PDB file of all heavy atoms in Angstrom:
ATOM      1  N   GLU A   1       1.144  75.735 140.897  1.00  0.00           N
ATOM      2  CA  GLU A   1       0.205  76.783 140.458  1.00  0.00           C
ATOM      3  C   GLU A   1      -1.240  76.298 140.533  1.00  0.00           C
ATOM      4  O   GLU A   1      -2.150  77.132 140.676  1.00  0.00           O
ATOM      5  CB  GLU A   1       0.522  77.185 139.027  1.00  0.00           C
ATOM      6  CG  GLU A   1       1.781  77.977 138.897  1.00  0.00           C
ATOM      7  CD  GLU A   1       2.102  78.353 137.454  1.00  0.00           C
ATOM      8  OE1 GLU A   1       1.311  78.023 136.554  1.00  0.00           O
ATOM      9  OE2 GLU A   1       3.165  78.984 137.249  1.00  0.00           O
ATOM     10  N   TYR A   2      -1.473  75.026 140.422  1.00  0.00           N
ATOM     11  CA  TYR A   2      -2.828  74.603 140.310  1.00  0.00           C
ATOM     12  C   TYR A   2      -3.207  73.471 141.289  1.00  0.00           C
ATOM     13  O   TYR A   2      -4.175  73.572 142.023  1.00  0.00           O
ATOM     14  CB  TYR A   2      -3.108  74.096 138.852  1.00  0.00           C
ATOM     15  CG  TYR A   2      -4.405  73.329 138.666  1.00  0.00           C
ATOM     16  CD1 TYR A   2      -5.602  73.951 138.718  1.00  0.00           C
ATOM     17  CD2 TYR A   2      -4.347  71.958 138.443  1.00  0.00           C
ATOM     18  CE1 TYR A   2      -6.809  73.232 138.602  1.00  0.00           C
ATOM     19  CE2 TYR A   2      -5.497  71.232 138.315  1.00  0.00           C
ATOM     20  CZ  TYR A   2      -6.714  71.873 138.369  1.00  0.00           C
ATOM     21  OH  TYR A   2      -7.867  71.159 138.227  1.00  0.00           O
ATOM     22  N   TYR A   3      -2.466  72.400 141.254  1.00  0.00           N
ATOM     23  CA  TYR A   3      -2.876  71.131 141.881  1.00  0.00           C
ATOM     24  C   TYR A   3      -3.121  71.292 143.373  1.00  0.00           C
ATOM     25  O   TYR A   3      -4.161  70.809 143.914  1.00  0.00           O
ATOM     26  CB  TYR A   3      -1.854  70.066 141.609  1.00  0.00           C
ATOM     27  CG  TYR A   3      -2.287  68.674 141.977  1.00  0.00           C
ATOM     28  CD1 TYR A   3      -3.235  67.974 141.201  1.00  0.00           C
ATOM     29  CD2 TYR A   3      -1.738  67.995 143.053  1.00  0.00           C
ATOM     30  CE1 TYR A   3      -3.612  66.693 141.496  1.00  0.00           C
ATOM     31  CE2 TYR A   3      -2.168  66.736 143.406  1.00  0.00           C
ATOM     32  CZ  TYR A   3      -3.099  66.075 142.585  1.00  0.00           C
ATOM     33  OH  TYR A   3      -3.481  64.807 142.921  1.00  0.00           O
ATOM     34  N   TYR A   4      -2.227  71.859 144.088  1.00  0.00           N
ATOM     35  CA  TYR A   4      -2.309  71.889 145.580  1.00  0.00           C
ATOM     36  C   TYR A   4      -3.037  73.138 146.120  1.00  0.00           C
ATOM     37  O   TYR A   4      -3.082  73.341 147.315  1.00  0.00           O
ATOM     38  CB  TYR A   4      -0.940  71.811 146.206  1.00  0.00           C
ATOM     39  CG  TYR A   4      -0.321  70.467 146.017  1.00  0.00           C
ATOM     40  CD1 TYR A   4       0.841  70.309 145.231  1.00  0.00           C
ATOM     41  CD2 TYR A   4      -0.871  69.332 146.593  1.00  0.00           C
ATOM     42  CE1 TYR A   4       1.428  69.047 145.080  1.00  0.00           C
ATOM     43  CE2 TYR A   4      -0.312  68.101 146.420  1.00  0.00           C
ATOM     44  CZ  TYR A   4       0.844  67.955 145.693  1.00  0.00           C
ATOM     45  OH  TYR A   4       1.398  66.716 145.506  1.00  0.00           O
ATOM     46  N   GLN A   5      -3.631  73.963 145.266  1.00  0.00           N
ATOM     47  CA  GLN A   5      -4.200  75.207 145.719  1.00  0.00           C
ATOM     48  C   GLN A   5      -5.547  75.128 146.445  1.00  0.00           C
ATOM     49  O   GLN A   5      -5.883  76.000 147.203  1.00  0.00           O
ATOM     50  CB  GLN A   5      -4.357  76.179 144.497  1.00  0.00           C
ATOM     51  CG  GLN A   5      -3.022  76.528 143.888  1.00  0.00           C
ATOM     52  CD  GLN A   5      -2.009  77.067 144.891  1.00  0.00           C
ATOM     53  OE1 GLN A   5      -2.355  77.928 145.700  1.00  0.00           O
ATOM     54  NE2 GLN A   5      -0.849  76.533 144.886  1.00  0.00           N
ATOM     55  N   ILE A   6      -6.298  74.026 146.259  1.00  0.00           N
ATOM     56  CA  ILE A   6      -7.596  73.899 146.911  1.00  0.00           C
ATOM     57  C   ILE A   6      -7.591  72.591 147.734  1.00  0.00           C
ATOM     58  O   ILE A   6      -7.934  71.513 147.160  1.00  0.00           O
ATOM     59  CB  ILE A   6      -8.731  73.948 145.887  1.00  0.00           C
ATOM     60  CG1 ILE A   6      -8.632  75.238 145.105  1.00  0.00           C
ATOM     61  CG2 ILE A   6     -10.092  73.820 146.586  1.00  0.00           C
ATOM     62  CD1 ILE A   6      -9.588  75.335 143.924  1.00  0.00           C
ATOM     63  N   PRO A   7      -7.239  72.613 148.956  1.00  0.00           N
ATOM     64  CA  PRO A   7      -7.135  71.408 149.760  1.00  0.00           C
ATOM     65  C   PRO A   7      -8.444  70.571 149.817  1.00  0.00           C
ATOM     66  O   PRO A   7      -8.424  69.386 149.923  1.00  0.00           O
ATOM     67  CB  PRO A   7      -6.717  71.878 151.134  1.00  0.00           C
ATOM     68  CG  PRO A   7      -6.102  73.208 150.912  1.00  0.00           C
ATOM     69  CD  PRO A   7      -6.788  73.788 149.689  1.00  0.00           C
ATOM     70  N   ALA A   8      -9.613  71.276 149.796  1.00  0.00           N
ATOM     71  CA  ALA A   8     -10.856  70.557 149.921  1.00  0.00           C
ATOM     72  C   ALA A   8     -11.123  69.666 148.709  1.00  0.00           C
ATOM     73  O   ALA A   8     -11.997  68.806 148.769  1.00  0.00           O
ATOM     74  CB  ALA A   8     -11.987  71.566 150.046  1.00  0.00           C
ATOM     75  N   GLY A   9     -10.384  69.831 147.634  1.00  0.00           N
ATOM     76  CA  GLY A   9     -10.575  68.995 146.439  1.00  0.00           C
ATOM     77  C   GLY A   9      -9.932  67.653 146.488  1.00  0.00           C
ATOM     78  O   GLY A   9     -10.078  66.832 145.547  1.00  0.00           O
ATOM     79  N   PHE A  10      -9.226  67.334 147.576  1.00  0.00           N
ATOM     80  CA  PHE A  10      -8.531  66.086 147.672  1.00  0.00           C
ATOM     81  C   PHE A  10      -9.401  65.009 148.328  1.00  0.00           C
ATOM     82  O   PHE A  10     -10.113  65.279 149.245  1.00  0.00           O
ATOM     83  CB  PHE A  10      -7.204  66.212 148.453  1.00  0.00           C
ATOM     84  CG  PHE A  10      -6.144  66.931 147.682  1.00  0.00           C
ATOM     85  CD1 PHE A  10      -5.997  68.298 147.776  1.00  0.00           C
ATOM     86  CD2 PHE A  10      -5.355  66.223 146.805  1.00  0.00           C
ATOM     87  CE1 PHE A  10      -5.033  68.945 147.050  1.00  0.00           C
ATOM     88  CE2 PHE A  10      -4.374  66.873 146.088  1.00  0.00           C
ATOM     89  CZ  PHE A  10      -4.224  68.233 146.189  1.00  0.00           C
ATOM     90  N   ASP A  11      -9.232  63.803 147.851  1.00  0.00           N
ATOM     91  CA  ASP A  11      -9.879  62.619 148.406  1.00  0.00           C
ATOM     92  C   ASP A  11      -9.217  62.328 149.726  1.00  0.00           C
ATOM     93  O   ASP A  11      -7.997  62.521 149.892  1.00  0.00           O
ATOM     94  CB  ASP A  11      -9.752  61.451 147.443  1.00  0.00           C
ATOM     95  CG  ASP A  11     -10.635  60.306 147.814  1.00  0.00           C
ATOM     96  OD1 ASP A  11     -11.764  60.268 147.325  1.00  0.00           O
ATOM     97  OD2 ASP A  11     -10.177  59.422 148.592  1.00  0.00           O
ATOM     98  N   GLU A  12      -9.959  61.786 150.671  1.00  0.00           N
ATOM     99  CA  GLU A  12      -9.434  61.441 151.953  1.00  0.00           C
ATOM    100  C   GLU A  12      -8.429  60.256 151.894  1.00  0.00           C
ATOM    101  O   GLU A  12      -7.475  60.225 152.678  1.00  0.00           O
ATOM    102  CB  GLU A  12     -10.609  61.111 152.936  1.00  0.00           C
ATOM    103  CG  GLU A  12     -10.161  60.857 154.318  1.00  0.00           C
ATOM    104  CD  GLU A  12     -11.311  60.677 155.277  1.00  0.00           C
ATOM    105  OE1 GLU A  12     -12.259  59.957 154.917  1.00  0.00           O
ATOM    106  OE2 GLU A  12     -11.243  61.255 156.381  1.00  0.00           O
ATOM    107  N   GLU A  13      -8.682  59.367 150.957  1.00  0.00           N
ATOM    108  CA  GLU A  13      -7.801  58.204 150.818  1.00  0.00           C
ATOM    109  C   GLU A  13      -6.475  58.616 150.170  1.00  0.00           C
ATOM    110  O   GLU A  13      -6.451  59.229 149.104  1.00  0.00           O
ATOM    111  CB  GLU A  13      -8.454  57.107 150.018  1.00  0.00           C
ATOM    112  CG  GLU A  13      -7.599  55.852 149.922  1.00  0.00           C
ATOM    113  CD  GLU A  13      -8.241  54.794 149.069  1.00  0.00           C
ATOM    114  OE1 GLU A  13      -8.814  55.083 147.945  1.00  0.00           O
ATOM    115  OE2 GLU A  13      -8.243  53.620 149.484  1.00  0.00           O
ATOM    116  N   MET A  14      -5.361  58.272 150.805  1.00  0.00           N
ATOM    117  CA  MET A  14      -4.030  58.448 150.206  1.00  0.00           C
ATOM    118  C   MET A  14      -3.593  57.181 149.545  1.00  0.00           C
ATOM    119  O   MET A  14      -4.091  56.095 149.889  1.00  0.00           O
ATOM    120  CB  MET A  14      -3.011  58.826 151.321  1.00  0.00           C
ATOM    121  CG  MET A  14      -3.390  60.095 152.034  1.00  0.00           C
ATOM    122  SD  MET A  14      -2.404  60.321 153.531  1.00  0.00           S
ATOM    123  CE  MET A  14      -3.087  59.100 154.668  1.00  0.00           C
ATOM    124  N   VAL A  15      -2.678  57.242 148.587  1.00  0.00           N
ATOM    125  CA  VAL A  15      -2.210  56.028 147.899  1.00  0.00           C
ATOM    126  C   VAL A  15      -0.685  56.011 147.927  1.00  0.00           C
ATOM    127  O   VAL A  15      -0.028  57.035 147.949  1.00  0.00           O
ATOM    128  CB  VAL A  15      -2.757  55.944 146.462  1.00  0.00           C
ATOM    129  CG1 VAL A  15      -4.247  55.762 146.452  1.00  0.00           C
ATOM    130  CG2 VAL A  15      -2.285  57.135 145.631  1.00  0.00           C
ATOM    131  N   ALA A  16      -0.160  54.810 147.917  1.00  0.00           N
ATOM    132  CA  ALA A  16       1.274  54.584 147.793  1.00  0.00           C
ATOM    133  C   ALA A  16       1.518  53.583 146.658  1.00  0.00           C
ATOM    134  O   ALA A  16       0.782  52.629 146.504  1.00  0.00           O
ATOM    135  CB  ALA A  16       1.804  54.024 149.122  1.00  0.00           C
ATOM    136  N   VAL A  17       2.615  53.840 145.902  1.00  0.00           N
ATOM    137  CA  VAL A  17       2.960  53.037 144.738  1.00  0.00           C
ATOM    138  C   VAL A  17       4.053  52.109 145.151  1.00  0.00           C
ATOM    139  O   VAL A  17       5.050  52.478 145.769  1.00  0.00           O
ATOM    140  CB  VAL A  17       3.379  53.946 143.560  1.00  0.00           C
ATOM    141  CG1 VAL A  17       3.817  53.095 142.392  1.00  0.00           C
ATOM    142  CG2 VAL A  17       2.227  54.867 143.148  1.00  0.00           C
ATOM    143  N   PHE A  18       3.892  50.812 144.780  1.00  0.00           N
ATOM    144  CA  PHE A  18       4.891  49.768 145.090  1.00  0.00           C
ATOM    145  C   PHE A  18       5.159  48.995 143.766  1.00  0.00           C
ATOM    146  O   PHE A  18       4.365  48.956 142.863  1.00  0.00           O
ATOM    147  CB  PHE A  18       4.317  48.771 146.090  1.00  0.00           C
ATOM    148  CG  PHE A  18       4.020  49.349 147.453  1.00  0.00           C
ATOM    149  CD1 PHE A  18       2.836  49.964 147.751  1.00  0.00           C
ATOM    150  CD2 PHE A  18       4.996  49.242 148.473  1.00  0.00           C
ATOM    151  CE1 PHE A  18       2.584  50.476 148.996  1.00  0.00           C
ATOM    152  CE2 PHE A  18       4.741  49.744 149.716  1.00  0.00           C
ATOM    153  CZ  PHE A  18       3.549  50.382 149.996  1.00  0.00           C
ATOM    154  N   ALA A  19       6.275  48.302 143.767  1.00  0.00           N
ATOM    155  CA  ALA A  19       6.561  47.356 142.696  1.00  0.00           C
ATOM    156  C   ALA A  19       5.467  46.293 142.689  1.00  0.00           C
ATOM    157  O   ALA A  19       4.909  45.927 143.740  1.00  0.00           O
ATOM    158  CB  ALA A  19       7.938  46.723 142.884  1.00  0.00           C
ATOM    159  N   THR A  20       5.162  45.776 141.510  1.00  0.00           N
ATOM    160  CA  THR A  20       4.111  44.783 141.400  1.00  0.00           C
ATOM    161  C   THR A  20       4.271  43.574 142.320  1.00  0.00           C
ATOM    162  O   THR A  20       3.328  43.111 142.910  1.00  0.00           O
ATOM    163  CB  THR A  20       4.000  44.286 139.949  1.00  0.00           C
ATOM    164  OG1 THR A  20       3.770  45.414 139.114  1.00  0.00           O
ATOM    165  CG2 THR A  20       2.899  43.312 139.762  1.00  0.00           C
ATOM    166  N   ASP A  21       5.493  43.143 142.494  1.00  0.00           N
ATOM    167  CA  ASP A  21       5.772  41.958 143.315  1.00  0.00           C
ATOM    168  C   ASP A  21       6.150  42.267 144.742  1.00  0.00           C
ATOM    169  O   ASP A  21       6.630  41.430 145.478  1.00  0.00           O
ATOM    170  CB  ASP A  21       6.851  41.108 142.646  1.00  0.00           C
ATOM    171  CG  ASP A  21       8.164  41.904 142.514  1.00  0.00           C
ATOM    172  OD1 ASP A  21       8.153  43.148 142.744  1.00  0.00           O
ATOM    173  OD2 ASP A  21       9.174  41.316 142.154  1.00  0.00           O
ATOM    174  N   SER A  22       5.784  43.466 145.194  1.00  0.00           N
ATOM    175  CA  SER A  22       6.150  43.879 146.566  1.00  0.00           C
ATOM    176  C   SER A  22       5.410  43.067 147.621  1.00  0.00           C
ATOM    177  O   SER A  22       4.151  43.120 147.684  1.00  0.00           O
ATOM    178  CB  SER A  22       5.851  45.352 146.715  1.00  0.00           C
ATOM    179  OG  SER A  22       5.964  45.730 148.088  1.00  0.00           O
ATOM    180  N   GLN A  23       6.181  42.402 148.450  1.00  0.00           N
ATOM    181  CA  GLN A  23       5.591  41.641 149.563  1.00  0.00           C
ATOM    182  C   GLN A  23       5.010  42.595 150.582  1.00  0.00           C
ATOM    183  O   GLN A  23       3.967  42.341 151.214  1.00  0.00           O
ATOM    184  CB  GLN A  23       6.591  40.703 150.214  1.00  0.00           C
ATOM    185  CG  GLN A  23       6.994  39.562 149.345  1.00  0.00           C
ATOM    186  CD  GLN A  23       5.814  38.658 149.031  1.00  0.00           C
ATOM    187  OE1 GLN A  23       4.943  38.424 149.906  1.00  0.00           O
ATOM    188  NE2 GLN A  23       5.753  38.150 147.834  1.00  0.00           N
ATOM    189  N   LEU A  24       5.675  43.727 150.784  1.00  0.00           N
ATOM    190  CA  LEU A  24       5.152  44.737 151.735  1.00  0.00           C
ATOM    191  C   LEU A  24       3.808  45.229 151.342  1.00  0.00           C
ATOM    192  O   LEU A  24       2.913  45.350 152.177  1.00  0.00           O
ATOM    193  CB  LEU A  24       6.179  45.873 151.875  1.00  0.00           C
ATOM    194  CG  LEU A  24       5.781  47.001 152.850  1.00  0.00           C
ATOM    195  CD1 LEU A  24       5.587  46.446 154.213  1.00  0.00           C
ATOM    196  CD2 LEU A  24       6.792  48.142 152.807  1.00  0.00           C
ATOM    197  N   ALA A  25       3.604  45.561 150.078  1.00  0.00           N
ATOM    198  CA  ALA A  25       2.288  46.027 149.611  1.00  0.00           C
ATOM    199  C   ALA A  25       1.219  44.966 149.904  1.00  0.00           C
ATOM    200  O   ALA A  25       0.120  45.305 150.377  1.00  0.00           O
ATOM    201  CB  ALA A  25       2.359  46.332 148.137  1.00  0.00           C
ATOM    202  N   HIS A  26       1.544  43.719 149.627  1.00  0.00           N
ATOM    203  CA  HIS A  26       0.582  42.639 149.886  1.00  0.00           C
ATOM    204  C   HIS A  26       0.275  42.508 151.350  1.00  0.00           C
ATOM    205  O   HIS A  26      -0.858  42.305 151.763  1.00  0.00           O
ATOM    206  CB  HIS A  26       1.065  41.349 149.271  1.00  0.00           C
ATOM    207  CG  HIS A  26       0.983  41.322 147.775  1.00  0.00           C
ATOM    208  ND1 HIS A  26      -0.163  41.088 147.073  1.00  0.00           N
ATOM    209  CD2 HIS A  26       1.926  41.584 146.869  1.00  0.00           C
ATOM    210  CE1 HIS A  26       0.068  41.178 145.799  1.00  0.00           C
ATOM    211  NE2 HIS A  26       1.358  41.504 145.606  1.00  0.00           N
ATOM    212  N   GLN A  27       1.282  42.603 152.200  1.00  0.00           N
ATOM    213  CA  GLN A  27       1.068  42.516 153.652  1.00  0.00           C
ATOM    214  C   GLN A  27       0.209  43.626 154.153  1.00  0.00           C
ATOM    215  O   GLN A  27      -0.697  43.461 154.933  1.00  0.00           O
ATOM    216  CB  GLN A  27       2.411  42.488 154.384  1.00  0.00           C
ATOM    217  CG  GLN A  27       3.203  41.211 154.172  1.00  0.00           C
ATOM    218  CD  GLN A  27       4.610  41.327 154.727  1.00  0.00           C
ATOM    219  OE1 GLN A  27       5.089  42.407 155.071  1.00  0.00           O
ATOM    220  NE2 GLN A  27       5.301  40.200 154.827  1.00  0.00           N
ATOM    221  N   ILE A  28       0.508  44.875 153.699  1.00  0.00           N
ATOM    222  CA  ILE A  28      -0.238  46.053 154.174  1.00  0.00           C
ATOM    223  C   ILE A  28      -1.706  45.916 153.737  1.00  0.00           C
ATOM    224  O   ILE A  28      -2.591  46.135 154.550  1.00  0.00           O
ATOM    225  CB  ILE A  28       0.399  47.358 153.641  1.00  0.00           C
ATOM    226  CG1 ILE A  28       1.750  47.586 154.264  1.00  0.00           C
ATOM    227  CG2 ILE A  28      -0.523  48.544 153.923  1.00  0.00           C
ATOM    228  CD1 ILE A  28       2.537  48.716 153.673  1.00  0.00           C
ATOM    229  N   ALA A  29      -1.941  45.667 152.469  1.00  0.00           N
ATOM    230  CA  ALA A  29      -3.295  45.579 151.953  1.00  0.00           C
ATOM    231  C   ALA A  29      -4.088  44.421 152.582  1.00  0.00           C
ATOM    232  O   ALA A  29      -5.266  44.564 152.920  1.00  0.00           O
ATOM    233  CB  ALA A  29      -3.309  45.445 150.448  1.00  0.00           C
ATOM    234  N   ALA A  30      -3.424  43.296 152.774  1.00  0.00           N
ATOM    235  CA  ALA A  30      -4.104  42.146 153.326  1.00  0.00           C
ATOM    236  C   ALA A  30      -4.408  42.333 154.804  1.00  0.00           C
ATOM    237  O   ALA A  30      -5.407  41.748 155.308  1.00  0.00           O
ATOM    238  CB  ALA A  30      -3.213  40.898 153.177  1.00  0.00           C
ATOM    239  N   SER A  31      -3.687  43.150 155.519  1.00  0.00           N
ATOM    240  CA  SER A  31      -3.936  43.362 156.943  1.00  0.00           C
ATOM    241  C   SER A  31      -5.199  44.131 157.203  1.00  0.00           C
ATOM    242  O   SER A  31      -5.735  44.144 158.289  1.00  0.00           O
ATOM    243  CB  SER A  31      -2.760  44.051 157.569  1.00  0.00           C
ATOM    244  OG  SER A  31      -2.728  45.420 157.158  1.00  0.00           O
ATOM    245  N   ASP A  32      -5.689  44.861 156.175  1.00  0.00           N
ATOM    246  CA  ASP A  32      -6.906  45.681 156.217  1.00  0.00           C
ATOM    247  C   ASP A  32      -6.726  46.961 157.080  1.00  0.00           C
ATOM    248  O   ASP A  32      -7.523  47.856 156.985  1.00  0.00           O
ATOM    249  CB  ASP A  32      -8.072  44.861 156.747  1.00  0.00           C
ATOM    250  CG  ASP A  32      -9.371  45.531 156.572  1.00  0.00           C
ATOM    251  OD1 ASP A  32      -9.686  46.076 155.504  1.00  0.00           O
ATOM    252  OD2 ASP A  32     -10.172  45.608 157.556  1.00  0.00           O
ATOM    253  N   ARG A  33      -5.669  47.027 157.899  1.00  0.00           N
ATOM    254  CA  ARG A  33      -5.451  48.193 158.702  1.00  0.00           C
ATOM    255  C   ARG A  33      -3.955  48.360 158.926  1.00  0.00           C
ATOM    256  O   ARG A  33      -3.209  47.383 158.959  1.00  0.00           O
ATOM    257  CB  ARG A  33      -6.151  48.083 160.084  1.00  0.00           C
ATOM    258  CG  ARG A  33      -7.625  47.932 159.975  1.00  0.00           C
ATOM    259  CD  ARG A  33      -8.357  48.284 161.225  1.00  0.00           C
ATOM    260  NE  ARG A  33      -8.349  49.660 161.592  1.00  0.00           N
ATOM    261  CZ  ARG A  33      -9.058  50.633 161.002  1.00  0.00           C
ATOM    262  NH1 ARG A  33      -9.785  50.370 159.960  1.00  0.00           N
ATOM    263  NH2 ARG A  33      -9.018  51.874 161.438  1.00  0.00           N
ATOM    264  N   CYS A  34      -3.514  49.627 159.113  1.00  0.00           N
ATOM    265  CA  CYS A  34      -2.152  49.870 159.537  1.00  0.00           C
ATOM    266  C   CYS A  34      -2.074  51.219 160.196  1.00  0.00           C
ATOM    267  O   CYS A  34      -3.074  52.016 160.190  1.00  0.00           O
ATOM    268  CB  CYS A  34      -1.230  49.797 158.351  1.00  0.00           C
ATOM    269  SG  CYS A  34      -1.272  51.242 157.255  1.00  0.00           S
ATOM    270  N   THR A  35      -0.926  51.548 160.771  1.00  0.00           N
ATOM    271  CA  THR A  35      -0.734  52.845 161.360  1.00  0.00           C
ATOM    272  C   THR A  35       0.441  53.503 160.629  1.00  0.00           C
ATOM    273  O   THR A  35       1.517  52.905 160.535  1.00  0.00           O
ATOM    274  CB  THR A  35      -0.421  52.749 162.890  1.00  0.00           C
ATOM    275  OG1 THR A  35      -1.503  52.081 163.494  1.00  0.00           O
ATOM    276  CG2 THR A  35      -0.248  54.101 163.508  1.00  0.00           C
ATOM    277  N   LEU A  36       0.199  54.695 160.118  1.00  0.00           N
ATOM    278  CA  LEU A  36       1.272  55.470 159.459  1.00  0.00           C
ATOM    279  C   LEU A  36       1.852  56.428 160.495  1.00  0.00           C
ATOM    280  O   LEU A  36       1.117  57.127 161.205  1.00  0.00           O
ATOM    281  CB  LEU A  36       0.707  56.285 158.288  1.00  0.00           C
ATOM    282  CG  LEU A  36       0.007  55.505 157.146  1.00  0.00           C
ATOM    283  CD1 LEU A  36      -0.525  56.453 156.145  1.00  0.00           C
ATOM    284  CD2 LEU A  36       1.005  54.532 156.540  1.00  0.00           C
ATOM    285  N   HIS A  37       3.174  56.442 160.593  1.00  0.00           N
ATOM    286  CA  HIS A  37       3.896  57.361 161.480  1.00  0.00           C
ATOM    287  C   HIS A  37       4.740  58.258 160.582  1.00  0.00           C
ATOM    288  O   HIS A  37       5.456  57.747 159.715  1.00  0.00           O
ATOM    289  CB  HIS A  37       4.826  56.637 162.432  1.00  0.00           C
ATOM    290  CG  HIS A  37       4.122  55.833 163.469  1.00  0.00           C
ATOM    291  ND1 HIS A  37       3.833  56.275 164.700  1.00  0.00           N
ATOM    292  CD2 HIS A  37       3.596  54.568 163.414  1.00  0.00           C
ATOM    293  CE1 HIS A  37       3.230  55.372 165.425  1.00  0.00           C
ATOM    294  NE2 HIS A  37       3.053  54.295 164.629  1.00  0.00           N
ATOM    295  N   PHE A  38       4.696  59.554 160.827  1.00  0.00           N
ATOM    296  CA  PHE A  38       5.579  60.409 160.095  1.00  0.00           C
ATOM    297  C   PHE A  38       5.848  61.726 160.868  1.00  0.00           C
ATOM    298  O   PHE A  38       5.102  62.057 161.771  1.00  0.00           O
ATOM    299  CB  PHE A  38       5.076  60.731 158.668  1.00  0.00           C
ATOM    300  CG  PHE A  38       3.716  61.412 158.603  1.00  0.00           C
ATOM    301  CD1 PHE A  38       3.654  62.783 158.466  1.00  0.00           C
ATOM    302  CD2 PHE A  38       2.577  60.654 158.625  1.00  0.00           C
ATOM    303  CE1 PHE A  38       2.457  63.409 158.390  1.00  0.00           C
ATOM    304  CE2 PHE A  38       1.370  61.306 158.555  1.00  0.00           C
ATOM    305  CZ  PHE A  38       1.272  62.684 158.421  1.00  0.00           C
ATOM    306  N   HIS A  39       6.949  62.337 160.509  1.00  0.00           N
ATOM    307  CA  HIS A  39       7.364  63.591 161.184  1.00  0.00           C
ATOM    308  C   HIS A  39       7.286  64.722 160.191  1.00  0.00           C
ATOM    309  O   HIS A  39       7.620  64.596 159.046  1.00  0.00           O
ATOM    310  CB  HIS A  39       8.838  63.453 161.605  1.00  0.00           C
ATOM    311  CG  HIS A  39       9.037  62.443 162.692  1.00  0.00           C
ATOM    312  ND1 HIS A  39       9.552  62.807 163.940  1.00  0.00           N
ATOM    313  CD2 HIS A  39       8.839  61.137 162.755  1.00  0.00           C
ATOM    314  CE1 HIS A  39       9.657  61.716 164.685  1.00  0.00           C
ATOM    315  NE2 HIS A  39       9.230  60.686 163.980  1.00  0.00           N
TER     316      HIS A  39
END
């Protein structure tokens, strides 16, 4: 009803939540760049 109704209100940066000890999160953030693929 509210949150997704105005697309212009969203920040360009997307976020992903990981476990605190996630090696993948550390690798992604440390690389400074990545490519997201999705369908």
